[in-house]
Full PDB file with SEQRES, HELIX, SHEET, SSBOND, CRYST1, ORIGX, SCALE, CONECT and MASTER records, all heavy atoms in Angstrom:
SEQRES   1 A   37  GLU HIS LEU ASP THR SER THR ILE PHE ARG GLY THR SER          
SEQRES   2 A   37  VAL SER ILE GLN ASN ASP LEU ILE ASN SER ILE ALA ASP          
SEQRES   3 A   37  VAL ILE LYS HIS GLU ILE PHE ASN GLU ILE GLN                  
HELIX    1 AA1 HIS A    2  THR A    5  1                                   4    
HELIX    2 AA2 VAL A   14  ILE A   36  1                                  23    
CRYST1    1.000    1.000    1.000  90.00  90.00  90.00 P 1           1          
ORIGX1      1.000000  0.000000  0.000000        0.00000                         
ORIGX2      0.000000  1.000000  0.000000        0.00000                         
ORIGX3      0.000000  0.000000  1.000000        0.00000                         
SCALE1      1.000000  0.000000  0.000000        0.00000                         
SCALE2      0.000000  1.000000  0.000000        0.00000                         
SCALE3      0.000000  0.000000  1.000000        0.00000                         
ATOM      1  N   GLU A   1      47.383-245.184 -97.956  1.00  0.00           N  
ATOM      2  CA  GLU A   1      47.544-245.988 -96.739  1.00  0.00           C  
ATOM      3  C   GLU A   1      48.750-245.372 -95.916  1.00  0.00           C  
ATOM      4  O   GLU A   1      48.735-245.252 -94.690  1.00  0.00           O  
ATOM      5  CB  GLU A   1      47.826-247.452 -97.062  1.00  0.00           C  
ATOM      6  CG  GLU A   1      47.967-248.270 -95.780  1.00  0.00           C  
ATOM      7  CD  GLU A   1      48.451-249.724 -96.122  1.00  0.00           C  
ATOM      8  OE1 GLU A   1      48.528-249.985 -97.351  1.00  0.00           O  
ATOM      9  OE2 GLU A   1      48.713-250.479 -95.196  1.00  0.00           O  
ATOM     10  N   HIS A   2      49.880-245.097 -96.610  1.00  0.00           N  
ATOM     11  CA  HIS A   2      51.033-244.554 -95.946  1.00  0.00           C  
ATOM     12  C   HIS A   2      50.753-243.155 -95.250  1.00  0.00           C  
ATOM     13  O   HIS A   2      51.083-243.006 -94.096  1.00  0.00           O  
ATOM     14  CB  HIS A   2      52.134-244.436 -96.962  1.00  0.00           C  
ATOM     15  CG  HIS A   2      53.364-243.657 -96.419  1.00  0.00           C  
ATOM     16  ND1 HIS A   2      54.242-244.217 -95.549  1.00  0.00           N  
ATOM     17  CD2 HIS A   2      53.816-242.376 -96.636  1.00  0.00           C  
ATOM     18  CE1 HIS A   2      55.145-243.301 -95.233  1.00  0.00           C  
ATOM     19  NE2 HIS A   2      54.984-242.202 -95.876  1.00  0.00           N  
ATOM     20  N   LEU A   3      50.127-242.275 -96.066  1.00  0.00           N  
ATOM     21  CA  LEU A   3      49.837-240.974 -95.421  1.00  0.00           C  
ATOM     22  C   LEU A   3      48.846-241.018 -94.338  1.00  0.00           C  
ATOM     23  O   LEU A   3      48.843-240.198 -93.400  1.00  0.00           O  
ATOM     24  CB  LEU A   3      49.398-239.984 -96.554  1.00  0.00           C  
ATOM     25  CG  LEU A   3      50.394-239.702 -97.777  1.00  0.00           C  
ATOM     26  CD1 LEU A   3      49.720-238.827 -98.794  1.00  0.00           C  
ATOM     27  CD2 LEU A   3      51.592-239.038 -97.130  1.00  0.00           C  
ATOM     28  N   ASP A   4      47.900-241.963 -94.409  1.00  0.00           N  
ATOM     29  CA  ASP A   4      46.844-242.077 -93.392  1.00  0.00           C  
ATOM     30  C   ASP A   4      47.344-242.731 -92.056  1.00  0.00           C  
ATOM     31  O   ASP A   4      46.810-242.493 -91.015  1.00  0.00           O  
ATOM     32  CB  ASP A   4      45.668-242.821 -93.927  1.00  0.00           C  
ATOM     33  CG  ASP A   4      44.899-241.983 -95.033  1.00  0.00           C  
ATOM     34  OD1 ASP A   4      45.185-240.793 -95.056  1.00  0.00           O  
ATOM     35  OD2 ASP A   4      44.066-242.556 -95.801  1.00  0.00           O  
ATOM     36  N   THR A   5      48.298-243.713 -92.246  1.00  0.00           N  
ATOM     37  CA  THR A   5      48.563-244.618 -91.072  1.00  0.00           C  
ATOM     38  C   THR A   5      49.980-244.350 -90.525  1.00  0.00           C  
ATOM     39  O   THR A   5      50.227-244.768 -89.385  1.00  0.00           O  
ATOM     40  CB  THR A   5      48.431-246.025 -91.447  1.00  0.00           C  
ATOM     41  OG1 THR A   5      49.276-246.378 -92.522  1.00  0.00           O  
ATOM     42  CG2 THR A   5      47.044-246.283 -91.892  1.00  0.00           C  
ATOM     43  N   SER A   6      50.947-243.870 -91.347  1.00  0.00           N  
ATOM     44  CA  SER A   6      52.314-243.781 -90.827  1.00  0.00           C  
ATOM     45  C   SER A   6      52.367-242.856 -89.639  1.00  0.00           C  
ATOM     46  O   SER A   6      51.813-241.688 -89.715  1.00  0.00           O  
ATOM     47  CB  SER A   6      53.252-243.356 -91.990  1.00  0.00           C  
ATOM     48  OG  SER A   6      52.830-242.014 -92.506  1.00  0.00           O  
ATOM     49  N   THR A   7      53.211-243.166 -88.739  1.00  0.00           N  
ATOM     50  CA  THR A   7      53.372-242.354 -87.532  1.00  0.00           C  
ATOM     51  C   THR A   7      54.862-241.975 -87.286  1.00  0.00           C  
ATOM     52  O   THR A   7      55.178-240.981 -86.613  1.00  0.00           O  
ATOM     53  CB  THR A   7      52.914-243.048 -86.248  1.00  0.00           C  
ATOM     54  OG1 THR A   7      53.568-244.310 -86.172  1.00  0.00           O  
ATOM     55  CG2 THR A   7      51.393-243.341 -86.338  1.00  0.00           C  
ATOM     56  N   ILE A   8      55.779-242.766 -87.927  1.00  0.00           N  
ATOM     57  CA  ILE A   8      57.169-242.511 -87.669  1.00  0.00           C  
ATOM     58  C   ILE A   8      57.810-241.680 -88.858  1.00  0.00           C  
ATOM     59  O   ILE A   8      58.313-240.616 -88.735  1.00  0.00           O  
ATOM     60  CB  ILE A   8      57.958-243.790 -87.522  1.00  0.00           C  
ATOM     61  CG1 ILE A   8      57.461-244.564 -86.219  1.00  0.00           C  
ATOM     62  CG2 ILE A   8      59.466-243.562 -87.352  1.00  0.00           C  
ATOM     63  CD1 ILE A   8      58.014-245.927 -86.035  1.00  0.00           C  
ATOM     64  N   PHE A   9      57.596-242.201 -90.063  1.00  0.00           N  
ATOM     65  CA  PHE A   9      58.121-241.628 -91.291  1.00  0.00           C  
ATOM     66  C   PHE A   9      56.991-241.383 -92.246  1.00  0.00           C  
ATOM     67  O   PHE A   9      56.458-242.313 -92.804  1.00  0.00           O  
ATOM     68  CB  PHE A   9      59.271-242.460 -91.874  1.00  0.00           C  
ATOM     69  CG  PHE A   9      59.719-241.985 -93.170  1.00  0.00           C  
ATOM     70  CD1 PHE A   9      60.639-240.822 -93.240  1.00  0.00           C  
ATOM     71  CD2 PHE A   9      59.277-242.482 -94.386  1.00  0.00           C  
ATOM     72  CE1 PHE A   9      61.006-240.343 -94.436  1.00  0.00           C  
ATOM     73  CE2 PHE A   9      59.596-241.940 -95.614  1.00  0.00           C  
ATOM     74  CZ  PHE A   9      60.556-240.886 -95.686  1.00  0.00           C  
ATOM     75  N   ARG A  10      56.691-240.094 -92.550  1.00  0.00           N  
ATOM     76  CA  ARG A  10      55.651-239.800 -93.545  1.00  0.00           C  
ATOM     77  C   ARG A  10      56.263-239.249 -94.787  1.00  0.00           C  
ATOM     78  O   ARG A  10      55.710-239.339 -95.857  1.00  0.00           O  
ATOM     79  CB  ARG A  10      54.617-238.794 -92.965  1.00  0.00           C  
ATOM     80  CG  ARG A  10      53.790-239.395 -91.825  1.00  0.00           C  
ATOM     81  CD  ARG A  10      52.755-238.435 -91.345  1.00  0.00           C  
ATOM     82  NE  ARG A  10      51.546-238.433 -92.302  1.00  0.00           N  
ATOM     83  CZ  ARG A  10      51.128-237.481 -93.046  1.00  0.00           C  
ATOM     84  NH1 ARG A  10      51.739-236.292 -92.980  1.00  0.00           N  
ATOM     85  NH2 ARG A  10      50.042-237.601 -93.780  1.00  0.00           N  
ATOM     86  N   GLY A  11      57.480-238.601 -94.549  1.00  0.00           N  
ATOM     87  CA  GLY A  11      58.181-238.068 -95.718  1.00  0.00           C  
ATOM     88  C   GLY A  11      57.619-236.682 -96.204  1.00  0.00           C  
ATOM     89  O   GLY A  11      57.819-236.263 -97.331  1.00  0.00           O  
ATOM     90  N   THR A  12      56.923-236.002 -95.336  1.00  0.00           N  
ATOM     91  CA  THR A  12      56.275-234.699 -95.649  1.00  0.00           C  
ATOM     92  C   THR A  12      56.888-233.544 -94.882  1.00  0.00           C  
ATOM     93  O   THR A  12      56.554-232.346 -95.179  1.00  0.00           O  
ATOM     94  CB  THR A  12      54.743-234.789 -95.414  1.00  0.00           C  
ATOM     95  OG1 THR A  12      54.558-235.060 -94.041  1.00  0.00           O  
ATOM     96  CG2 THR A  12      54.130-235.768 -96.317  1.00  0.00           C  
ATOM     97  N   SER A  13      57.754-233.788 -93.938  1.00  0.00           N  
ATOM     98  CA  SER A  13      58.277-232.681 -93.171  1.00  0.00           C  
ATOM     99  C   SER A  13      59.243-231.868 -93.990  1.00  0.00           C  
ATOM    100  O   SER A  13      59.785-232.256 -94.996  1.00  0.00           O  
ATOM    101  CB  SER A  13      59.034-233.228 -91.942  1.00  0.00           C  
ATOM    102  OG  SER A  13      60.188-234.022 -92.309  1.00  0.00           O  
ATOM    103  N   VAL A  14      59.582-230.659 -93.456  1.00  0.00           N  
ATOM    104  CA  VAL A  14      60.516-229.751 -94.163  1.00  0.00           C  
ATOM    105  C   VAL A  14      61.898-230.401 -94.279  1.00  0.00           C  
ATOM    106  O   VAL A  14      62.536-230.331 -95.341  1.00  0.00           O  
ATOM    107  CB  VAL A  14      60.598-228.402 -93.420  1.00  0.00           C  
ATOM    108  CG1 VAL A  14      61.679-227.589 -93.972  1.00  0.00           C  
ATOM    109  CG2 VAL A  14      59.221-227.661 -93.403  1.00  0.00           C  
ATOM    110  N   SER A  15      62.364-230.992 -93.209  1.00  0.00           N  
ATOM    111  CA  SER A  15      63.730-231.573 -93.223  1.00  0.00           C  
ATOM    112  C   SER A  15      63.787-232.789 -94.171  1.00  0.00           C  
ATOM    113  O   SER A  15      64.725-232.850 -94.907  1.00  0.00           O  
ATOM    114  CB  SER A  15      64.123-232.090 -91.815  1.00  0.00           C  
ATOM    115  OG  SER A  15      63.165-233.061 -91.383  1.00  0.00           O  
ATOM    116  N   ILE A  16      62.716-233.559 -94.283  1.00  0.00           N  
ATOM    117  CA  ILE A  16      62.769-234.676 -95.233  1.00  0.00           C  
ATOM    118  C   ILE A  16      62.673-234.173 -96.692  1.00  0.00           C  
ATOM    119  O   ILE A  16      63.406-234.600 -97.620  1.00  0.00           O  
ATOM    120  CB  ILE A  16      61.491-235.644 -94.980  1.00  0.00           C  
ATOM    121  CG1 ILE A  16      61.614-236.270 -93.672  1.00  0.00           C  
ATOM    122  CG2 ILE A  16      61.366-236.593 -96.115  1.00  0.00           C  
ATOM    123  CD1 ILE A  16      62.858-237.155 -93.529  1.00  0.00           C  
ATOM    124  N   GLN A  17      61.889-233.086 -96.917  1.00  0.00           N  
ATOM    125  CA  GLN A  17      61.835-232.503 -98.307  1.00  0.00           C  
ATOM    126  C   GLN A  17      63.241-232.017 -98.670  1.00  0.00           C  
ATOM    127  O   GLN A  17      63.717-232.255 -99.796  1.00  0.00           O  
ATOM    128  CB  GLN A  17      60.829-231.378 -98.332  1.00  0.00           C  
ATOM    129  CG  GLN A  17      59.423-231.781 -98.172  1.00  0.00           C  
ATOM    130  CD  GLN A  17      58.524-230.555 -98.214  1.00  0.00           C  
ATOM    131  OE1 GLN A  17      58.657-229.703 -99.017  1.00  0.00           O  
ATOM    132  NE2 GLN A  17      57.515-230.495 -97.322  1.00  0.00           N  
ATOM    133  N   ASN A  18      63.929-231.312 -97.752  1.00  0.00           N  
ATOM    134  CA  ASN A  18      65.260-230.844 -98.046  1.00  0.00           C  
ATOM    135  C   ASN A  18      66.189-231.997 -98.257  1.00  0.00           C  
ATOM    136  O   ASN A  18      67.102-231.933 -99.094  1.00  0.00           O  
ATOM    137  CB  ASN A  18      65.778-229.950 -96.877  1.00  0.00           C  
ATOM    138  CG  ASN A  18      64.982-228.654 -96.817  1.00  0.00           C  
ATOM    139  OD1 ASN A  18      64.467-228.256 -97.871  1.00  0.00           O  
ATOM    140  ND2 ASN A  18      65.001-228.017 -95.689  1.00  0.00           N  
ATOM    141  N   ASP A  19      66.106-233.074 -97.455  1.00  0.00           N  
ATOM    142  CA  ASP A  19      66.987-234.245 -97.584  1.00  0.00           C  
ATOM    143  C   ASP A  19      66.786-234.834 -98.967  1.00  0.00           C  
ATOM    144  O   ASP A  19      67.784-235.270 -99.659  1.00  0.00           O  
ATOM    145  CB  ASP A  19      66.729-235.304 -96.484  1.00  0.00           C  
ATOM    146  CG  ASP A  19      67.245-234.837 -95.128  1.00  0.00           C  
ATOM    147  OD1 ASP A  19      68.088-233.872 -95.189  1.00  0.00           O  
ATOM    148  OD2 ASP A  19      66.822-235.337 -94.142  1.00  0.00           O  
ATOM    149  N   LEU A  20      65.555-235.014 -99.412  1.00  0.00           N  
ATOM    150  CA  LEU A  20      65.270-235.576-100.715  1.00  0.00           C  
ATOM    151  C   LEU A  20      65.848-234.647-101.836  1.00  0.00           C  
ATOM    152  O   LEU A  20      66.434-235.156-102.752  1.00  0.00           O  
ATOM    153  CB  LEU A  20      63.754-235.757-100.936  1.00  0.00           C  
ATOM    154  CG  LEU A  20      63.052-236.800-100.060  1.00  0.00           C  
ATOM    155  CD1 LEU A  20      61.547-236.739-100.241  1.00  0.00           C  
ATOM    156  CD2 LEU A  20      63.549-238.196-100.547  1.00  0.00           C  
ATOM    157  N   ILE A  21      65.663-233.341-101.720  1.00  0.00           N  
ATOM    158  CA  ILE A  21      66.201-232.492-102.734  1.00  0.00           C  
ATOM    159  C   ILE A  21      67.758-232.643-102.799  1.00  0.00           C  
ATOM    160  O   ILE A  21      68.338-232.765-103.850  1.00  0.00           O  
ATOM    161  CB  ILE A  21      65.817-231.016-102.397  1.00  0.00           C  
ATOM    162  CG1 ILE A  21      64.306-230.797-102.553  1.00  0.00           C  
ATOM    163  CG2 ILE A  21      66.544-230.104-103.307  1.00  0.00           C  
ATOM    164  CD1 ILE A  21      63.772-229.525-102.015  1.00  0.00           C  
ATOM    165  N   ASN A  22      68.379-232.654-101.656  1.00  0.00           N  
ATOM    166  CA  ASN A  22      69.844-232.743-101.654  1.00  0.00           C  
ATOM    167  C   ASN A  22      70.331-234.118-102.128  1.00  0.00           C  
ATOM    168  O   ASN A  22      71.344-234.188-102.812  1.00  0.00           O  
ATOM    169  CB  ASN A  22      70.395-232.503-100.219  1.00  0.00           C  
ATOM    170  CG  ASN A  22      70.187-231.065 -99.733  1.00  0.00           C  
ATOM    171  OD1 ASN A  22      70.131-230.159-100.503  1.00  0.00           O  
ATOM    172  ND2 ASN A  22      70.032-230.893 -98.450  1.00  0.00           N  
ATOM    173  N   SER A  23      69.639-235.131-101.796  1.00  0.00           N  
ATOM    174  CA  SER A  23      70.005-236.494-102.258  1.00  0.00           C  
ATOM    175  C   SER A  23      69.857-236.591-103.788  1.00  0.00           C  
ATOM    176  O   SER A  23      70.755-237.129-104.443  1.00  0.00           O  
ATOM    177  CB  SER A  23      69.089-237.559-101.553  1.00  0.00           C  
ATOM    178  OG  SER A  23      69.268-237.555-100.210  1.00  0.00           O  
ATOM    179  N   ILE A  24      68.827-236.076-104.361  1.00  0.00           N  
ATOM    180  CA  ILE A  24      68.594-236.077-105.774  1.00  0.00           C  
ATOM    181  C   ILE A  24      69.642-235.240-106.491  1.00  0.00           C  
ATOM    182  O   ILE A  24      70.256-235.636-107.472  1.00  0.00           O  
ATOM    183  CB  ILE A  24      67.215-235.539-106.168  1.00  0.00           C  
ATOM    184  CG1 ILE A  24      66.111-236.619-105.703  1.00  0.00           C  
ATOM    185  CG2 ILE A  24      67.093-235.355-107.698  1.00  0.00           C  
ATOM    186  CD1 ILE A  24      64.713-236.054-105.795  1.00  0.00           C  
ATOM    187  N   ALA A  25      69.989-234.095-105.870  1.00  0.00           N  
ATOM    188  CA  ALA A  25      71.082-233.253-106.412  1.00  0.00           C  
ATOM    189  C   ALA A  25      72.351-233.978-106.390  1.00  0.00           C  
ATOM    190  O   ALA A  25      73.182-233.896-107.289  1.00  0.00           O  
ATOM    191  CB  ALA A  25      71.139-232.013-105.534  1.00  0.00           C  
ATOM    192  N   ASP A  26      72.684-234.745-105.297  1.00  0.00           N  
ATOM    193  CA  ASP A  26      73.935-235.495-105.211  1.00  0.00           C  
ATOM    194  C   ASP A  26      74.002-236.565-106.324  1.00  0.00           C  
ATOM    195  O   ASP A  26      75.051-236.805-106.914  1.00  0.00           O  
ATOM    196  CB  ASP A  26      74.070-236.172-103.850  1.00  0.00           C  
ATOM    197  CG  ASP A  26      74.336-235.204-102.718  1.00  0.00           C  
ATOM    198  OD1 ASP A  26      74.748-234.001-103.084  1.00  0.00           O  
ATOM    199  OD2 ASP A  26      74.070-235.437-101.564  1.00  0.00           O  
ATOM    200  N   VAL A  27      72.842-237.235-106.575  1.00  0.00           N  
ATOM    201  CA  VAL A  27      72.849-238.255-107.649  1.00  0.00           C  
ATOM    202  C   VAL A  27      73.084-237.604-108.988  1.00  0.00           C  
ATOM    203  O   VAL A  27      73.920-238.122-109.791  1.00  0.00           O  
ATOM    204  CB  VAL A  27      71.474-238.990-107.632  1.00  0.00           C  
ATOM    205  CG1 VAL A  27      71.321-239.841-108.855  1.00  0.00           C  
ATOM    206  CG2 VAL A  27      71.320-239.785-106.420  1.00  0.00           C  
ATOM    207  N   ILE A  28      72.562-236.491-109.232  1.00  0.00           N  
ATOM    208  CA  ILE A  28      72.704-235.736-110.508  1.00  0.00           C  
ATOM    209  C   ILE A  28      74.133-235.368-110.665  1.00  0.00           C  
ATOM    210  O   ILE A  28      74.721-235.530-111.755  1.00  0.00           O  
ATOM    211  CB  ILE A  28      71.757-234.509-110.606  1.00  0.00           C  
ATOM    212  CG1 ILE A  28      70.364-234.975-110.676  1.00  0.00           C  
ATOM    213  CG2 ILE A  28      72.102-233.661-111.790  1.00  0.00           C  
ATOM    214  CD1 ILE A  28      69.316-233.876-110.597  1.00  0.00           C  
ATOM    215  N   LYS A  29      74.674-234.756-109.633  1.00  0.00           N  
ATOM    216  CA  LYS A  29      76.157-234.307-109.730  1.00  0.00           C  
ATOM    217  C   LYS A  29      77.020-235.533-109.846  1.00  0.00           C  
ATOM    218  O   LYS A  29      78.050-235.394-110.572  1.00  0.00           O  
ATOM    219  CB  LYS A  29      76.489-233.596-108.365  1.00  0.00           C  
ATOM    220  CG  LYS A  29      75.775-232.225-108.330  1.00  0.00           C  
ATOM    221  CD  LYS A  29      76.251-231.443-107.050  1.00  0.00           C  
ATOM    222  CE  LYS A  29      75.608-230.053-106.975  1.00  0.00           C  
ATOM    223  NZ  LYS A  29      75.915-229.395-105.725  1.00  0.00           N  
ATOM    224  N   HIS A  30      76.678-236.676-109.313  1.00  0.00           N  
ATOM    225  CA  HIS A  30      77.555-237.887-109.486  1.00  0.00           C  
ATOM    226  C   HIS A  30      77.486-238.335-110.928  1.00  0.00           C  
ATOM    227  O   HIS A  30      78.486-238.682-111.495  1.00  0.00           O  
ATOM    228  CB  HIS A  30      76.984-239.009-108.632  1.00  0.00           C  
ATOM    229  CG  HIS A  30      77.787-240.247-108.645  1.00  0.00           C  
ATOM    230  ND1 HIS A  30      79.114-240.404-108.180  1.00  0.00           N  
ATOM    231  CD2 HIS A  30      77.488-241.451-109.206  1.00  0.00           C  
ATOM    232  CE1 HIS A  30      79.522-241.642-108.442  1.00  0.00           C  
ATOM    233  NE2 HIS A  30      78.585-242.291-109.031  1.00  0.00           N  
ATOM    234  N   GLU A  31      76.302-238.222-111.559  1.00  0.00           N  
ATOM    235  CA  GLU A  31      76.203-238.514-113.028  1.00  0.00           C  
ATOM    236  C   GLU A  31      76.998-237.604-113.852  1.00  0.00           C  
ATOM    237  O   GLU A  31      77.661-237.995-114.783  1.00  0.00           O  
ATOM    238  CB  GLU A  31      74.716-238.515-113.451  1.00  0.00           C  
ATOM    239  CG  GLU A  31      73.915-239.642-112.920  1.00  0.00           C  
ATOM    240  CD  GLU A  31      74.424-241.045-113.314  1.00  0.00           C  
ATOM    241  OE1 GLU A  31      74.726-241.204-114.575  1.00  0.00           O  
ATOM    242  OE2 GLU A  31      74.583-241.924-112.509  1.00  0.00           O  
ATOM    243  N   ILE A  32      76.941-236.295-113.512  1.00  0.00           N  
ATOM    244  CA  ILE A  32      77.754-235.366-114.181  1.00  0.00           C  
ATOM    245  C   ILE A  32      79.265-235.652-114.044  1.00  0.00           C  
ATOM    246  O   ILE A  32      80.001-235.499-115.022  1.00  0.00           O  
ATOM    247  CB  ILE A  32      77.436-233.922-113.658  1.00  0.00           C  
ATOM    248  CG1 ILE A  32      76.032-233.463-113.994  1.00  0.00           C  
ATOM    249  CG2 ILE A  32      78.404-232.879-114.201  1.00  0.00           C  
ATOM    250  CD1 ILE A  32      75.536-232.188-113.399  1.00  0.00           C  
ATOM    251  N   PHE A  33      79.629-235.998-112.779  1.00  0.00           N  
ATOM    252  CA  PHE A  33      81.054-236.327-112.567  1.00  0.00           C  
ATOM    253  C   PHE A  33      81.464-237.507-113.445  1.00  0.00           C  
ATOM    254  O   PHE A  33      82.526-237.507-114.005  1.00  0.00           O  
ATOM    255  CB  PHE A  33      81.208-236.674-111.095  1.00  0.00           C  
ATOM    256  CG  PHE A  33      82.570-237.159-110.764  1.00  0.00           C  
ATOM    257  CD1 PHE A  33      83.574-236.215-110.458  1.00  0.00           C  
ATOM    258  CD2 PHE A  33      82.937-238.527-110.740  1.00  0.00           C  
ATOM    259  CE1 PHE A  33      84.895-236.651-110.158  1.00  0.00           C  
ATOM    260  CE2 PHE A  33      84.188-238.918-110.363  1.00  0.00           C  
ATOM    261  CZ  PHE A  33      85.181-237.956-110.112  1.00  0.00           C  
ATOM    262  N   ASN A  34      80.585-238.569-113.564  1.00  0.00           N  
ATOM    263  CA  ASN A  34      80.950-239.714-114.446  1.00  0.00           C  
ATOM    264  C   ASN A  34      81.052-239.322-115.888  1.00  0.00           C  
ATOM    265  O   ASN A  34      81.938-239.806-116.607  1.00  0.00           O  
ATOM    266  CB  ASN A  34      79.862-240.841-114.219  1.00  0.00           C  
ATOM    267  CG  ASN A  34      79.977-241.410-112.826  1.00  0.00           C  
ATOM    268  OD1 ASN A  34      81.017-241.407-112.194  1.00  0.00           O  
ATOM    269  ND2 ASN A  34      78.872-242.044-112.435  1.00  0.00           N  
ATOM    270  N   GLU A  35      80.155-238.414-116.319  1.00  0.00           N  
ATOM    271  CA  GLU A  35      80.191-237.973-117.746  1.00  0.00           C  
ATOM    272  C   GLU A  35      81.506-237.244-118.026  1.00  0.00           C  
ATOM    273  O   GLU A  35      82.190-237.441-119.052  1.00  0.00           O  
ATOM    274  CB  GLU A  35      78.998-237.017-118.059  1.00  0.00           C  
ATOM    275  CG  GLU A  35      77.665-237.757-118.337  1.00  0.00           C  
ATOM    276  CD  GLU A  35      76.731-236.801-118.874  1.00  0.00           C  
ATOM    277  OE1 GLU A  35      76.805-235.597-118.654  1.00  0.00           O  
ATOM    278  OE2 GLU A  35      75.687-237.264-119.460  1.00  0.00           O  
ATOM    279  N   ILE A  36      81.905-236.409-117.036  1.00  0.00           N  
ATOM    280  CA  ILE A  36      83.134-235.586-117.282  1.00  0.00           C  
ATOM    281  C   ILE A  36      84.368-236.458-117.262  1.00  0.00           C  
ATOM    282  O   ILE A  36      85.328-236.096-117.969  1.00  0.00           O  
ATOM    283  CB  ILE A  36      83.178-234.541-116.140  1.00  0.00           C  
ATOM    284  CG1 ILE A  36      82.112-233.444-116.318  1.00  0.00           C  
ATOM    285  CG2 ILE A  36      84.528-233.887-116.012  1.00  0.00           C  
ATOM    286  CD1 ILE A  36      82.095-232.371-115.223  1.00  0.00           C  
ATOM    287  N   GLN A  37      84.372-237.585-116.576  1.00  0.00           N  
ATOM    288  CA  GLN A  37      85.560-238.406-116.614  1.00  0.00           C  
ATOM    289  C   GLN A  37      85.788-239.079-117.940  1.00  0.00           C  
ATOM    290  O   GLN A  37      86.882-239.526-118.306  1.00  0.00           O  
ATOM    291  CB  GLN A  37      85.404-239.526-115.561  1.00  0.00           C  
ATOM    292  CG  GLN A  37      85.163-239.124-114.145  1.00  0.00           C  
ATOM    293  CD  GLN A  37      86.121-237.931-113.736  1.00  0.00           C  
ATOM    294  OE1 GLN A  37      87.331-238.115-113.725  1.00  0.00           O  
ATOM    295  NE2 GLN A  37      85.532-236.822-113.353  1.00  0.00           N  
TER     296      GLN A  37                                                      
MASTER        0    0    0    2    0    0    0    6  295    1    0    3          
END                                                                             
């Protein structure tokens, strides 16, 4: 339903893919930071 009907945010553009990758990387690095402490 989301992919068929969404007009504002579909989550499939290049910029959104990059944002998701960077966000996940930030979460992982934050967990690494907490482990190191």
